């Protein structure tokens, strides 16, 4: 059996109510069932209002002990937001999910917040 690897992006968008705290069962990023996904980064585009996020992989491992501040994603002078890089990449089985806990910190409606989960799909070929 051989494998084929292709770049893959999974978008996710959410708007947070003022002072909202969203748990893992709400912010679910469902992955495709056609191939395993090697997750290696998250990009984020947002309005500039502060929020916090905790990413959780498919095995329910939290990638940080506390909320990652949205300032980690602030755009640079060339207009590209910082990338939250996972090194080494995290294996996500086909059909699994990445989840997030989110906390709105501005006291205002915050959004849309757009996440882009990037990595590679690994297809098993006959």
PDB file of N, CA and C in Angstrom:
ATOM      1  N   UNK A   1       0.846  -1.179   0.000  1.00  0.00           N
ATOM      2  CA  UNK A   1       0.000   0.000   0.000  1.00  0.00           C
ATOM      3  C   UNK A   1       0.892   1.243   0.000  1.00  0.00           C
ATOM      4  N   UNK A   2       0.519   2.225  -0.791  1.00  0.00           N
ATOM      5  CA  UNK A   2       1.270   3.474  -0.855  1.00  0.00           C
ATOM      6  C   UNK A   2       0.434   4.606  -0.260  1.00  0.00           C
ATOM      7  N   UNK A   3       1.094   5.708   0.006  1.00  0.00           N
ATOM      8  CA  UNK A   3       0.398   6.872   0.548  1.00  0.00           C
ATOM      9  C   UNK A   3       0.600   8.075  -0.364  1.00  0.00           C
ATOM     10  N   UNK A   4      -0.361   8.966  -0.312  1.00  0.00           N
ATOM     11  CA  UNK A   4      -0.266  10.231  -1.018  1.00  0.00           C
ATOM     12  C   UNK A   4      -0.525  11.328   0.009  1.00  0.00           C
ATOM     13  N   UNK A   5       0.297  12.364  -0.026  1.00  0.00           N
ATOM     14  CA  UNK A   5       0.171  13.452   0.945  1.00  0.00           C
ATOM     15  C   UNK A   5      -0.167  14.739   0.206  1.00  0.00           C
ATOM     16  N   UNK A   6      -1.208  15.442   0.699  1.00  0.00           N
ATOM     17  CA  UNK A   6      -1.638  16.701   0.094  1.00  0.00           C
ATOM     18  C   UNK A   6      -1.833  17.745   1.180  1.00  0.00           C
ATOM     19  N   UNK A   7      -1.454  19.002   0.866  1.00  0.00           N
ATOM     20  CA  UNK A   7      -1.699  20.116   1.777  1.00  0.00           C
ATOM     21  C   UNK A   7      -3.201  20.248   1.990  1.00  0.00           C
ATOM     22  N   UNK A   8      -3.608  20.620   3.215  1.00  0.00           N
ATOM     23  CA  UNK A   8      -5.033  20.735   3.526  1.00  0.00           C
ATOM     24  C   UNK A   8      -5.251  21.832   4.547  1.00  0.00           C
ATOM     25  N   UNK A   9      -6.283  22.641   4.347  1.00  0.00           N
ATOM     26  CA  UNK A   9      -6.703  23.678   5.290  1.00  0.00           C
ATOM     27  C   UNK A   9      -8.144  23.424   5.700  1.00  0.00           C
ATOM     28  N   UNK A  10      -8.428  23.495   6.990  1.00  0.00           N
ATOM     29  CA  UNK A  10      -9.796  23.374   7.500  1.00  0.00           C
ATOM     30  C   UNK A  10     -10.162  24.690   8.178  1.00  0.00           C
ATOM     31  N   UNK A  11     -11.080  25.471   7.575  1.00  0.00           N
ATOM     32  CA  UNK A  11     -11.490  26.732   8.193  1.00  0.00           C
ATOM     33  C   UNK A  11     -12.532  26.519   9.292  1.00  0.00           C
ATOM     34  N   UNK A  12     -12.577  27.458  10.217  1.00  0.00           N
ATOM     35  CA  UNK A  12     -13.588  27.466  11.279  1.00  0.00           C
ATOM     36  C   UNK A  12     -13.835  28.918  11.649  1.00  0.00           C
ATOM     37  N   UNK A  13     -15.108  29.312  11.746  1.00  0.00           N
ATOM     38  CA  UNK A  13     -15.442  30.695  12.068  1.00  0.00           C
ATOM     39  C   UNK A  13     -16.459  30.729  13.201  1.00  0.00           C
ATOM     40  N   UNK A  14     -16.282  31.690  14.100  1.00  0.00           N
ATOM     41  CA  UNK A  14     -17.192  31.837  15.237  1.00  0.00           C
ATOM     42  C   UNK A  14     -17.274  33.309  15.628  1.00  0.00           C
ATOM     43  N   UNK A  15     -18.422  33.714  16.145  1.00  0.00           N
ATOM     44  CA  UNK A  15     -18.600  35.027  16.758  1.00  0.00           C
ATOM     45  C   UNK A  15     -18.962  34.797  18.213  1.00  0.00           C
ATOM     46  N   UNK A  16     -18.269  35.480  19.109  1.00  0.00           N
ATOM     47  CA  UNK A  16     -18.473  35.304  20.541  1.00  0.00           C
ATOM     48  C   UNK A  16     -19.353  36.410  21.103  1.00  0.00           C
ATOM     49  N   UNK A  17     -20.311  36.038  21.930  1.00  0.00           N
ATOM     50  CA  UNK A  17     -21.130  37.012  22.649  1.00  0.00           C
ATOM     51  C   UNK A  17     -20.263  37.678  23.719  1.00  0.00           C
ATOM     52  N   UNK A  18     -20.653  38.852  24.210  1.00  0.00           N
ATOM     53  CA  UNK A  18     -19.869  39.531  25.246  1.00  0.00           C
ATOM     54  C   UNK A  18     -19.620  38.614  26.458  1.00  0.00           C
ATOM     55  N   UNK A  19     -18.358  38.521  26.866  1.00  0.00           N
ATOM     56  CA  UNK A  19     -17.929  37.751  28.038  1.00  0.00           C
ATOM     57  C   UNK A  19     -18.245  36.259  27.956  1.00  0.00           C
ATOM     58  N   UNK A  20     -18.481  35.750  26.766  1.00  0.00           N
ATOM     59  CA  UNK A  20     -18.823  34.336  26.591  1.00  0.00           C
ATOM     60  C   UNK A  20     -17.641  33.434  26.920  1.00  0.00           C
ATOM     61  N   UNK A  21     -17.950  32.268  27.449  1.00  0.00           N
ATOM     62  CA  UNK A  21     -16.977  31.194  27.640  1.00  0.00           C
ATOM     63  C   UNK A  21     -17.562  29.981  26.930  1.00  0.00           C
ATOM     64  N   UNK A  22     -16.857  29.517  25.902  1.00  0.00           N
ATOM     65  CA  UNK A  22     -17.329  28.429  25.057  1.00  0.00           C
ATOM     66  C   UNK A  22     -16.491  27.193  25.334  1.00  0.00           C
ATOM     67  N   UNK A  23     -17.143  26.080  25.625  1.00  0.00           N
ATOM     68  CA  UNK A  23     -16.436  24.838  25.933  1.00  0.00           C
ATOM     69  C   UNK A  23     -16.172  23.994  24.701  1.00  0.00           C
ATOM     70  N   UNK A  24     -15.432  22.899  24.903  1.00  0.00           N
ATOM     71  CA  UNK A  24     -15.032  22.000  23.824  1.00  0.00           C
ATOM     72  C   UNK A  24     -16.205  21.408  23.053  1.00  0.00           C
ATOM     73  N   UNK A  25     -17.358  21.234  23.705  1.00  0.00           N
ATOM     74  CA  UNK A  25     -18.468  20.588  23.018  1.00  0.00           C
ATOM     75  C   UNK A  25     -19.167  21.518  22.026  1.00  0.00           C
ATOM     76  N   UNK A  26     -18.836  22.803  22.019  1.00  0.00           N
ATOM     77  CA  UNK A  26     -19.444  23.769  21.102  1.00  0.00           C
ATOM     78  C   UNK A  26     -18.507  24.087  19.938  1.00  0.00           C
ATOM     79  N   UNK A  27     -17.264  24.385  20.229  1.00  0.00           N
ATOM     80  CA  UNK A  27     -16.295  24.769  19.199  1.00  0.00           C
ATOM     81  C   UNK A  27     -15.578  23.518  18.690  1.00  0.00           C
ATOM     82  N   UNK A  28     -16.244  22.810  17.778  1.00  0.00           N
ATOM     83  CA  UNK A  28     -15.734  21.541  17.255  1.00  0.00           C
ATOM     84  C   UNK A  28     -15.370  21.714  15.791  1.00  0.00           C
ATOM     85  N   UNK A  29     -14.134  21.367  15.457  1.00  0.00           N
ATOM     86  CA  UNK A  29     -13.651  21.426  14.081  1.00  0.00           C
ATOM     87  C   UNK A  29     -13.606  19.989  13.575  1.00  0.00           C
ATOM     88  N   UNK A  30     -14.651  19.588  12.849  1.00  0.00           N
ATOM     89  CA  UNK A  30     -14.746  18.219  12.341  1.00  0.00           C
ATOM     90  C   UNK A  30     -13.810  18.040  11.152  1.00  0.00           C
ATOM     91  N   UNK A  31     -13.061  16.950  11.173  1.00  0.00           N
ATOM     92  CA  UNK A  31     -12.121  16.650  10.092  1.00  0.00           C
ATOM     93  C   UNK A  31     -12.736  15.633   9.132  1.00  0.00           C
ATOM     94  N   UNK A  32     -12.295  15.674   7.893  1.00  0.00           N
ATOM     95  CA  UNK A  32     -12.823  14.777   6.869  1.00  0.00           C
ATOM     96  C   UNK A  32     -12.544  13.318   7.200  1.00  0.00           C
ATOM     97  N   UNK A  33     -13.401  12.447   6.680  1.00  0.00           N
ATOM     98  CA  UNK A  33     -13.274  11.008   6.931  1.00  0.00           C
ATOM     99  C   UNK A  33     -12.437  10.293   5.874  1.00  0.00           C
ATOM    100  N   UNK A  34     -11.982  11.025   4.840  1.00  0.00           N
ATOM    101  CA  UNK A  34     -11.308  10.371   3.729  1.00  0.00           C
ATOM    102  C   UNK A  34      -9.810  10.132   3.944  1.00  0.00           C
ATOM    103  N   UNK A  35      -9.208  10.776   4.962  1.00  0.00           N
ATOM    104  CA  UNK A  35      -7.762  10.622   5.171  1.00  0.00           C
ATOM    105  C   UNK A  35      -7.374  11.137   6.550  1.00  0.00           C
ATOM    106  N   UNK A  36      -6.276  10.603   7.079  1.00  0.00           N
ATOM    107  CA  UNK A  36      -5.710  11.141   8.317  1.00  0.00           C
ATOM    108  C   UNK A  36      -5.189  12.552   8.044  1.00  0.00           C
ATOM    109  N   UNK A  37      -5.149  13.360   9.081  1.00  0.00           N
ATOM    110  CA  UNK A  37      -4.698  14.749   8.973  1.00  0.00           C
ATOM    111  C   UNK A  37      -3.528  14.955   9.921  1.00  0.00           C
ATOM    112  N   UNK A  38      -2.429  15.477   9.399  1.00  0.00           N
ATOM    113  CA  UNK A  38      -1.277  15.865  10.219  1.00  0.00           C
ATOM    114  C   UNK A  38      -1.373  17.372  10.406  1.00  0.00           C
ATOM    115  N   UNK A  39      -1.802  17.783  11.609  1.00  0.00           N
ATOM    116  CA  UNK A  39      -2.063  19.189  11.941  1.00  0.00           C
ATOM    117  C   UNK A  39      -0.754  19.844  12.341  1.00  0.00           C
ATOM    118  N   UNK A  40      -0.347  20.915  11.611  1.00  0.00           N
ATOM    119  CA  UNK A  40       0.939  21.535  11.949  1.00  0.00           C
ATOM    120  C   UNK A  40       0.880  23.022  12.258  1.00  0.00           C
ATOM    121  N   UNK A  41      -0.288  23.680  12.099  1.00  0.00           N
ATOM    122  CA  UNK A  41      -0.358  25.108  12.424  1.00  0.00           C
ATOM    123  C   UNK A  41      -1.803  25.594  12.482  1.00  0.00           C
ATOM    124  N   UNK A  42      -1.975  26.740  13.142  1.00  0.00           N
ATOM    125  CA  UNK A  42      -3.258  27.446  13.162  1.00  0.00           C
ATOM    126  C   UNK A  42      -2.982  28.903  12.818  1.00  0.00           C
ATOM    127  N   UNK A  43      -3.754  29.427  11.883  1.00  0.00           N
ATOM    128  CA  UNK A  43      -3.723  30.856  11.562  1.00  0.00           C
ATOM    129  C   UNK A  43      -5.050  31.440  12.022  1.00  0.00           C
ATOM    130  N   UNK A  44      -5.062  32.726  12.322  1.00  0.00           N
ATOM    131  CA  UNK A  44      -6.279  33.339  12.818  1.00  0.00           C
ATOM    132  C   UNK A  44      -6.419  34.757  12.277  1.00  0.00           C
ATOM    133  N   UNK A  45      -7.623  35.094  11.871  1.00  0.00           N
ATOM    134  CA  UNK A  45      -7.962  36.445  11.448  1.00  0.00           C
ATOM    135  C   UNK A  45      -9.126  36.898  12.320  1.00  0.00           C
ATOM    136  N   UNK A  46      -8.995  38.097  12.906  1.00  0.00           N
ATOM    137  CA  UNK A  46     -10.045  38.571  13.808  1.00  0.00           C
ATOM    138  C   UNK A  46     -10.066  40.088  13.834  1.00  0.00           C
ATOM    139  N   UNK A  47     -11.084  40.645  14.505  1.00  0.00           N
ATOM    140  CA  UNK A  47     -11.333  42.096  14.503  1.00  0.00           C
ATOM    141  C   UNK A  47     -10.353  42.889  15.352  1.00  0.00           C
ATOM    142  N   UNK A  48      -9.586  42.233  16.189  1.00  0.00           N
ATOM    143  CA  UNK A  48      -8.653  42.935  17.077  1.00  0.00           C
ATOM    144  C   UNK A  48      -9.120  42.954  18.519  1.00  0.00           C
ATOM    145  N   UNK A  49     -10.390  42.605  18.769  1.00  0.00           N
ATOM    146  CA  UNK A  49     -10.865  42.519  20.143  1.00  0.00           C
ATOM    147  C   UNK A  49     -10.269  41.272  20.800  1.00  0.00           C
ATOM    148  N   UNK A  50      -9.910  41.348  22.070  1.00  0.00           N
ATOM    149  CA  UNK A  50      -9.205  40.230  22.708  1.00  0.00           C
ATOM    150  C   UNK A  50     -10.102  39.028  23.014  1.00  0.00           C
ATOM    151  N   UNK A  51      -9.492  37.862  22.902  1.00  0.00           N
ATOM    152  CA  UNK A  51     -10.121  36.609  23.301  1.00  0.00           C
ATOM    153  C   UNK A  51      -9.018  35.635  23.690  1.00  0.00           C
ATOM    154  N   UNK A  52      -9.390  34.557  24.337  1.00  0.00           N
ATOM    155  CA  UNK A  52      -8.445  33.498  24.678  1.00  0.00           C
ATOM    156  C   UNK A  52      -8.911  32.193  24.068  1.00  0.00           C
ATOM    157  N   UNK A  53      -7.963  31.305  23.768  1.00  0.00           N
ATOM    158  CA  UNK A  53      -8.302  30.017  23.161  1.00  0.00           C
ATOM    159  C   UNK A  53      -7.397  28.923  23.715  1.00  0.00           C
ATOM    160  N   UNK A  54      -7.972  27.756  23.950  1.00  0.00           N
ATOM    161  CA  UNK A  54      -7.222  26.541  24.268  1.00  0.00           C
ATOM    162  C   UNK A  54      -7.573  25.521  23.194  1.00  0.00           C
ATOM    163  N   UNK A  55      -6.582  25.020  22.482  1.00  0.00           N
ATOM    164  CA  UNK A  55      -6.793  23.993  21.466  1.00  0.00           C
ATOM    165  C   UNK A  55      -6.648  22.614  22.112  1.00  0.00           C
ATOM    166  N   UNK A  56      -7.502  21.689  21.689  1.00  0.00           N
ATOM    167  CA  UNK A  56      -7.454  20.311  22.183  1.00  0.00           C
ATOM    168  C   UNK A  56      -7.407  19.374  20.987  1.00  0.00           C
ATOM    169  N   UNK A  57      -6.451  18.436  20.993  1.00  0.00           N
ATOM    170  CA  UNK A  57      -6.306  17.528  19.859  1.00  0.00           C
ATOM    171  C   UNK A  57      -7.324  16.378  19.957  1.00  0.00           C
ATOM    172  N   UNK A  58      -7.401  15.510  18.940  1.00  0.00           N
ATOM    173  CA  UNK A  58      -8.399  14.439  18.951  1.00  0.00           C
ATOM    174  C   UNK A  58      -8.272  13.444  20.112  1.00  0.00           C
ATOM    175  N   UNK A  59      -7.085  13.346  20.712  1.00  0.00           N
ATOM    176  CA  UNK A  59      -6.931  12.444  21.864  1.00  0.00           C
ATOM    177  C   UNK A  59      -7.293  13.143  23.175  1.00  0.00           C
ATOM    178  N   UNK A  60      -7.850  14.364  23.072  1.00  0.00           N
ATOM    179  CA  UNK A  60      -8.303  15.191  24.196  1.00  0.00           C
ATOM    180  C   UNK A  60      -7.152  15.810  24.999  1.00  0.00           C
ATOM    181  N   UNK A  61      -5.981  15.900  24.387  1.00  0.00           N
ATOM    182  CA  UNK A  61      -4.827  16.548  25.008  1.00  0.00           C
ATOM    183  C   UNK A  61      -4.907  18.049  24.751  1.00  0.00           C
ATOM    184  N   UNK A  62      -4.930  18.855  25.822  1.00  0.00           N
ATOM    185  CA  UNK A  62      -4.918  20.306  25.674  1.00  0.00           C
ATOM    186  C   UNK A  62      -3.512  20.766  25.330  1.00  0.00           C
ATOM    187  N   UNK A  63      -3.398  21.618  24.312  1.00  0.00           N
ATOM    188  CA  UNK A  63      -2.087  22.050  23.844  1.00  0.00           C
ATOM    189  C   UNK A  63      -1.471  23.146  24.689  1.00  0.00           C
ATOM    190  N   UNK A  64      -2.220  23.699  25.633  1.00  0.00           N
ATOM    191  CA  UNK A  64      -1.679  24.687  26.568  1.00  0.00           C
ATOM    192  C   UNK A  64      -2.431  24.547  27.890  1.00  0.00           C
ATOM    193  N   UNK A  65      -1.760  24.857  29.004  1.00  0.00           N
ATOM    194  CA  UNK A  65      -2.418  24.703  30.304  1.00  0.00           C
ATOM    195  C   UNK A  65      -3.427  25.813  30.594  1.00  0.00           C
ATOM    196  N   UNK A  66      -3.325  26.911  29.867  1.00  0.00           N
ATOM    197  CA  UNK A  66      -4.223  28.047  30.062  1.00  0.00           C
ATOM    198  C   UNK A  66      -4.551  28.631  28.688  1.00  0.00           C
ATOM    199  N   UNK A  67      -5.407  29.628  28.671  1.00  0.00           N
ATOM    200  CA  UNK A  67      -5.811  30.253  27.418  1.00  0.00           C
ATOM    201  C   UNK A  67      -4.635  30.941  26.734  1.00  0.00           C
ATOM    202  N   UNK A  68      -4.503  30.700  25.439  1.00  0.00           N
ATOM    203  CA  UNK A  68      -3.553  31.422  24.592  1.00  0.00           C
ATOM    204  C   UNK A  68      -4.200  32.751  24.236  1.00  0.00           C
ATOM    205  N   UNK A  69      -3.516  33.848  24.505  1.00  0.00           N
ATOM    206  CA  UNK A  69      -4.072  35.179  24.241  1.00  0.00           C
ATOM    207  C   UNK A  69      -4.109  35.454  22.741  1.00  0.00           C
ATOM    208  N   UNK A  70      -5.170  36.107  22.309  1.00  0.00           N
ATOM    209  CA  UNK A  70      -5.330  36.413  20.887  1.00  0.00           C
ATOM    210  C   UNK A  70      -4.219  37.299  20.339  1.00  0.00           C
ATOM    211  N   UNK A  71      -3.493  37.988  21.204  1.00  0.00           N
ATOM    212  CA  UNK A  71      -2.387  38.822  20.724  1.00  0.00           C
ATOM    213  C   UNK A  71      -1.317  37.980  20.032  1.00  0.00           C
ATOM    214  N   UNK A  72      -1.315  36.680  20.269  1.00  0.00           N
ATOM    215  CA  UNK A  72      -0.373  35.791  19.580  1.00  0.00           C
ATOM    216  C   UNK A  72      -0.655  35.729  18.080  1.00  0.00           C
ATOM    217  N   UNK A  73      -1.851  36.149  17.674  1.00  0.00           N
ATOM    218  CA  UNK A  73      -2.245  36.096  16.270  1.00  0.00           C
ATOM    219  C   UNK A  73      -2.279  37.472  15.597  1.00  0.00           C
ATOM    220  N   UNK A  74      -1.810  38.520  16.278  1.00  0.00           N
ATOM    221  CA  UNK A  74      -1.892  39.875  15.734  1.00  0.00           C
ATOM    222  C   UNK A  74      -1.083  39.967  14.441  1.00  0.00           C
ATOM    223  N   UNK A  75      -1.669  40.642  13.452  1.00  0.00           N
ATOM    224  CA  UNK A  75      -1.024  40.772  12.146  1.00  0.00           C
ATOM    225  C   UNK A  75       0.257  41.586  12.247  1.00  0.00           C
ATOM    226  N   UNK A  76       1.230  41.195  11.459  1.00  0.00           N
ATOM    227  CA  UNK A  76       2.491  41.930  11.394  1.00  0.00           C
ATOM    228  C   UNK A  76       2.335  43.116  10.443  1.00  0.00           C
ATOM    229  N   UNK A  77       3.414  43.828  10.224  1.00  0.00           N
ATOM    230  CA  UNK A  77       3.355  45.005   9.348  1.00  0.00           C
ATOM    231  C   UNK A  77       3.033  44.643   7.913  1.00  0.00           C
ATOM    232  N   UNK A  78       3.241  43.400   7.507  1.00  0.00           N
ATOM    233  CA  UNK A  78       2.900  42.997   6.136  1.00  0.00           C
ATOM    234  C   UNK A  78       1.491  42.436   6.049  1.00  0.00           C
ATOM    235  N   UNK A  79       0.740  42.474   7.152  1.00  0.00           N
ATOM    236  CA  UNK A  79      -0.656  42.079   7.117  1.00  0.00           C
ATOM    237  C   UNK A  79      -0.917  40.598   7.314  1.00  0.00           C
ATOM    238  N   UNK A  80       0.084  39.854   7.673  1.00  0.00           N
ATOM    239  CA  UNK A  80      -0.093  38.422   7.877  1.00  0.00           C
ATOM    240  C   UNK A  80      -0.040  38.143   9.366  1.00  0.00           C
ATOM    241  N   UNK A  81      -1.070  37.492   9.892  1.00  0.00           N
ATOM    242  CA  UNK A  81      -1.094  37.168  11.308  1.00  0.00           C
ATOM    243  C   UNK A  81      -0.043  36.137  11.662  1.00  0.00           C
ATOM    244  N   UNK A  82       0.366  36.146  12.910  1.00  0.00           N
ATOM    245  CA  UNK A  82       1.314  35.150  13.381  1.00  0.00           C
ATOM    246  C   UNK A  82       0.676  33.766  13.303  1.00  0.00           C
ATOM    247  N   UNK A  83       1.477  32.777  13.101  1.00  0.00           N
ATOM    248  CA  UNK A  83       1.012  31.393  12.996  1.00  0.00           C
ATOM    249  C   UNK A  83       1.367  30.666  14.282  1.00  0.00           C
ATOM    250  N   UNK A  84       0.401  29.950  14.847  1.00  0.00           N
ATOM    251  CA  UNK A  84       0.639  29.090  16.011  1.00  0.00           C
ATOM    252  C   UNK A  84       1.084  27.752  15.442  1.00  0.00           C
ATOM    253  N   UNK A  85       2.376  27.466  15.563  1.00  0.00           N
ATOM    254  CA  UNK A  85       2.966  26.289  14.936  1.00  0.00           C
ATOM    255  C   UNK A  85       3.041  25.131  15.911  1.00  0.00           C
ATOM    256  N   UNK A  86       2.718  23.945  15.428  1.00  0.00           N
ATOM    257  CA  UNK A  86       2.806  22.722  16.213  1.00  0.00           C
ATOM    258  C   UNK A  86       4.014  21.927  15.723  1.00  0.00           C
ATOM    259  N   UNK A  87       4.975  21.736  16.581  1.00  0.00           N
ATOM    260  CA  UNK A  87       6.197  21.029  16.205  1.00  0.00           C
ATOM    261  C   UNK A  87       6.546  20.036  17.311  1.00  0.00           C
ATOM    262  N   UNK A  88       6.382  18.759  17.067  1.00  0.00           N
ATOM    263  CA  UNK A  88       6.043  18.133  15.788  1.00  0.00           C
ATOM    264  C   UNK A  88       4.549  18.242  15.496  1.00  0.00           C
ATOM    265  N   UNK A  89       4.166  18.021  14.226  1.00  0.00           N
ATOM    266  CA  UNK A  89       2.744  18.028  13.880  1.00  0.00           C
ATOM    267  C   UNK A  89       1.984  16.967  14.677  1.00  0.00           C
ATOM    268  N   UNK A  90       0.690  17.203  14.834  1.00  0.00           N
ATOM    269  CA  UNK A  90      -0.156  16.280  15.599  1.00  0.00           C
ATOM    270  C   UNK A  90      -0.972  15.435  14.638  1.00  0.00           C
ATOM    271  N   UNK A  91      -0.933  14.129  14.837  1.00  0.00           N
ATOM    272  CA  UNK A  91      -1.701  13.203  14.016  1.00  0.00           C
ATOM    273  C   UNK A  91      -3.155  13.219  14.455  1.00  0.00           C
ATOM    274  N   UNK A  92      -4.050  13.407  13.500  1.00  0.00           N
ATOM    275  CA  UNK A  92      -5.490  13.401  13.747  1.00  0.00           C
ATOM    276  C   UNK A  92      -6.103  12.331  12.851  1.00  0.00           C
ATOM    277  N   UNK A  93      -6.652  11.277  13.430  1.00  0.00           N
ATOM    278  CA  UNK A  93      -7.238  10.214  12.604  1.00  0.00           C
ATOM    279  C   UNK A  93      -8.372  10.736  11.718  1.00  0.00           C
ATOM    280  N   UNK A  94      -8.557  10.089  10.596  1.00  0.00           N
ATOM    281  CA  UNK A  94      -9.659  10.446   9.704  1.00  0.00           C
ATOM    282  C   UNK A  94     -10.970  10.440  10.483  1.00  0.00           C
ATOM    283  N   UNK A  95     -11.786  11.481  10.278  1.00  0.00           N
ATOM    284  CA  UNK A  95     -13.083  11.575  10.931  1.00  0.00           C
ATOM    285  C   UNK A  95     -13.059  12.083  12.360  1.00  0.00           C
ATOM    286  N   UNK A  96     -11.888  12.419  12.878  1.00  0.00           N
ATOM    287  CA  UNK A  96     -11.795  12.905  14.260  1.00  0.00           C
ATOM    288  C   UNK A  96     -12.072  14.413  14.301  1.00  0.00           C
ATOM    289  N   UNK A  97     -11.899  15.010  15.471  1.00  0.00           N
ATOM    290  CA  UNK A  97     -12.184  16.433  15.649  1.00  0.00           C
ATOM    291  C   UNK A  97     -11.103  17.120  16.465  1.00  0.00           C
ATOM    292  N   UNK A  98     -10.878  18.379  16.151  1.00  0.00           N
ATOM    293  CA  UNK A  98     -10.081  19.295  16.965  1.00  0.00           C
ATOM    294  C   UNK A  98     -11.106  20.167  17.685  1.00  0.00           C
ATOM    295  N   UNK A  99     -10.913  20.403  18.960  1.00  0.00           N
ATOM    296  CA  UNK A  99     -11.856  21.253  19.681  1.00  0.00           C
ATOM    297  C   UNK A  99     -11.133  22.449  20.289  1.00  0.00           C
ATOM    298  N   UNK A 100     -11.928  23.454  20.652  1.00  0.00           N
ATOM    299  CA  UNK A 100     -11.386  24.671  21.239  1.00  0.00           C
ATOM    300  C   UNK A 100     -12.257  25.097  22.411  1.00  0.00           C
ATOM    301  N   UNK A 101     -11.611  25.647  23.410  1.00  0.00           N
ATOM    302  CA  UNK A 101     -12.298  26.397  24.447  1.00  0.00           C
ATOM    303  C   UNK A 101     -11.991  27.862  24.148  1.00  0.00           C
ATOM    304  N   UNK A 102     -13.003  28.691  24.160  1.00  0.00           N
ATOM    305  CA  UNK A 102     -12.834  30.103  23.825  1.00  0.00           C
ATOM    306  C   UNK A 102     -13.392  30.973  24.945  1.00  0.00           C
ATOM    307  N   UNK A 103     -12.722  32.080  25.189  1.00  0.00           N
ATOM    308  CA  UNK A 103     -13.171  33.033  26.204  1.00  0.00           C
ATOM    309  C   UNK A 103     -13.108  34.431  25.603  1.00  0.00           C
ATOM    310  N   UNK A 104     -14.256  35.116  25.570  1.00  0.00           N
ATOM    311  CA  UNK A 104     -14.317  36.483  25.064  1.00  0.00           C
ATOM    312  C   UNK A 104     -13.867  37.414  26.184  1.00  0.00           C
ATOM    313  N   UNK A 105     -12.929  38.329  25.897  1.00  0.00           N
ATOM    314  CA  UNK A 105     -12.303  39.151  26.939  1.00  0.00           C
ATOM    315  C   UNK A 105     -12.589  40.651  26.839  1.00  0.00           C
ATOM    316  N   UNK A 106     -13.304  41.085  25.811  1.00  0.00           N
ATOM    317  CA  UNK A 106     -13.489  42.530  25.621  1.00  0.00           C
ATOM    318  C   UNK A 106     -14.772  43.070  26.243  1.00  0.00           C
ATOM    319  N   UNK A 107     -15.727  42.194  26.522  1.00  0.00           N
ATOM    320  CA  UNK A 107     -17.029  42.651  26.997  1.00  0.00           C
ATOM    321  C   UNK A 107     -17.950  43.076  25.874  1.00  0.00           C
ATOM    322  N   UNK A 108     -17.538  42.853  24.628  1.00  0.00           N
ATOM    323  CA  UNK A 108     -18.332  43.202  23.443  1.00  0.00           C
ATOM    324  C   UNK A 108     -18.545  41.970  22.580  1.00  0.00           C
ATOM    325  N   UNK A 109     -19.496  42.053  21.656  1.00  0.00           N
ATOM    326  CA  UNK A 109     -19.619  40.993  20.657  1.00  0.00           C
ATOM    327  C   UNK A 109     -18.320  40.958  19.874  1.00  0.00           C
ATOM    328  N   UNK A 110     -17.751  39.785  19.719  1.00  0.00           N
ATOM    329  CA  UNK A 110     -16.415  39.633  19.164  1.00  0.00           C
ATOM    330  C   UNK A 110     -16.461  38.674  17.980  1.00  0.00           C
ATOM    331  N   UNK A 111     -16.308  39.225  16.796  1.00  0.00           N
ATOM    332  CA  UNK A 111     -16.282  38.351  15.642  1.00  0.00           C
ATOM    333  C   UNK A 111     -16.593  39.092  14.354  1.00  0.00           C
ATOM    334  N   UNK A 112     -16.481  38.384  13.262  1.00  0.00           N
ATOM    335  CA  UNK A 112     -16.154  36.973  13.243  1.00  0.00           C
ATOM    336  C   UNK A 112     -14.667  36.718  13.539  1.00  0.00           C
ATOM    337  N   UNK A 113     -14.414  35.614  14.208  1.00  0.00           N
ATOM    338  CA  UNK A 113     -13.054  35.129  14.432  1.00  0.00           C
ATOM    339  C   UNK A 113     -12.886  33.946  13.490  1.00  0.00           C
ATOM    340  N   UNK A 114     -11.895  34.017  12.623  1.00  0.00           N
ATOM    341  CA  UNK A 114     -11.691  32.981  11.619  1.00  0.00           C
ATOM    342  C   UNK A 114     -10.379  32.249  11.894  1.00  0.00           C
ATOM    343  N   UNK A 115     -10.502  30.955  12.158  1.00  0.00           N
ATOM    344  CA  UNK A 115      -9.337  30.096  12.351  1.00  0.00           C
ATOM    345  C   UNK A 115      -9.116  29.286  11.082  1.00  0.00           C
ATOM    346  N   UNK A 116      -7.845  29.032  10.770  1.00  0.00           N
ATOM    347  CA  UNK A 116      -7.498  28.160   9.656  1.00  0.00           C
ATOM    348  C   UNK A 116      -6.518  27.120  10.180  1.00  0.00           C
ATOM    349  N   UNK A 117      -6.981  25.878  10.239  1.00  0.00           N
ATOM    350  CA  UNK A 117      -6.156  24.768  10.715  1.00  0.00           C
ATOM    351  C   UNK A 117      -5.460  24.182   9.498  1.00  0.00           C
ATOM    352  N   UNK A 118      -4.125  24.243   9.491  1.00  0.00           N
ATOM    353  CA  UNK A 118      -3.374  23.820   8.318  1.00  0.00           C
ATOM    354  C   UNK A 118      -2.547  22.569   8.603  1.00  0.00           C
ATOM    355  N   UNK A 119      -2.299  21.838   7.556  1.00  0.00           N
ATOM    356  CA  UNK A 119      -1.505  20.622   7.688  1.00  0.00           C
ATOM    357  C   UNK A 119      -1.525  19.831   6.387  1.00  0.00           C
ATOM    358  N   UNK A 120      -1.436  18.515   6.554  1.00  0.00           N
ATOM    359  CA  UNK A 120      -1.394  17.627   5.403  1.00  0.00           C
ATOM    360  C   UNK A 120      -2.328  16.443   5.626  1.00  0.00           C
ATOM    361  N   UNK A 121      -3.009  16.070   4.547  1.00  0.00           N
ATOM    362  CA  UNK A 121      -3.809  14.852   4.570  1.00  0.00           C
ATOM    363  C   UNK A 121      -2.943  13.719   4.047  1.00  0.00           C
ATOM    364  N   UNK A 122      -3.076  12.566   4.691  1.00  0.00           N
ATOM    365  CA  UNK A 122      -2.318  11.384   4.268  1.00  0.00           C
ATOM    366  C   UNK A 122      -3.304  10.324   3.775  1.00  0.00           C
ATOM    367  N   UNK A 123      -3.361  10.169   2.468  1.00  0.00           N
ATOM    368  CA  UNK A 123      -4.277   9.208   1.845  1.00  0.00           C
ATOM    369  C   UNK A 123      -3.590   7.847   1.688  1.00  0.00           C
ATOM    370  N   UNK A 124      -4.315   6.794   1.994  1.00  0.00           N
ATOM    371  CA  UNK A 124      -3.825   5.425   1.769  1.00  0.00           C
ATOM    372  C   UNK A 124      -4.327   4.964   0.419  1.00  0.00           C
ATOM    373  N   UNK A 125      -3.433   4.623  -0.496  1.00  0.00           N
ATOM    374  CA  UNK A 125      -3.784   4.206  -1.846  1.00  0.00           C
ATOM    375  C   UNK A 125      -3.549   2.714  -1.998  1.00  0.00           C
ATOM    376  N   UNK A 126      -4.416   2.088  -2.782  1.00  0.00           N
ATOM    377  CA  UNK A 126      -4.286   0.643  -3.022  1.00  0.00           C
ATOM    378  C   UNK A 126      -3.153   0.351  -3.986  1.00  0.00           C
TER     379      UNK A 126
END
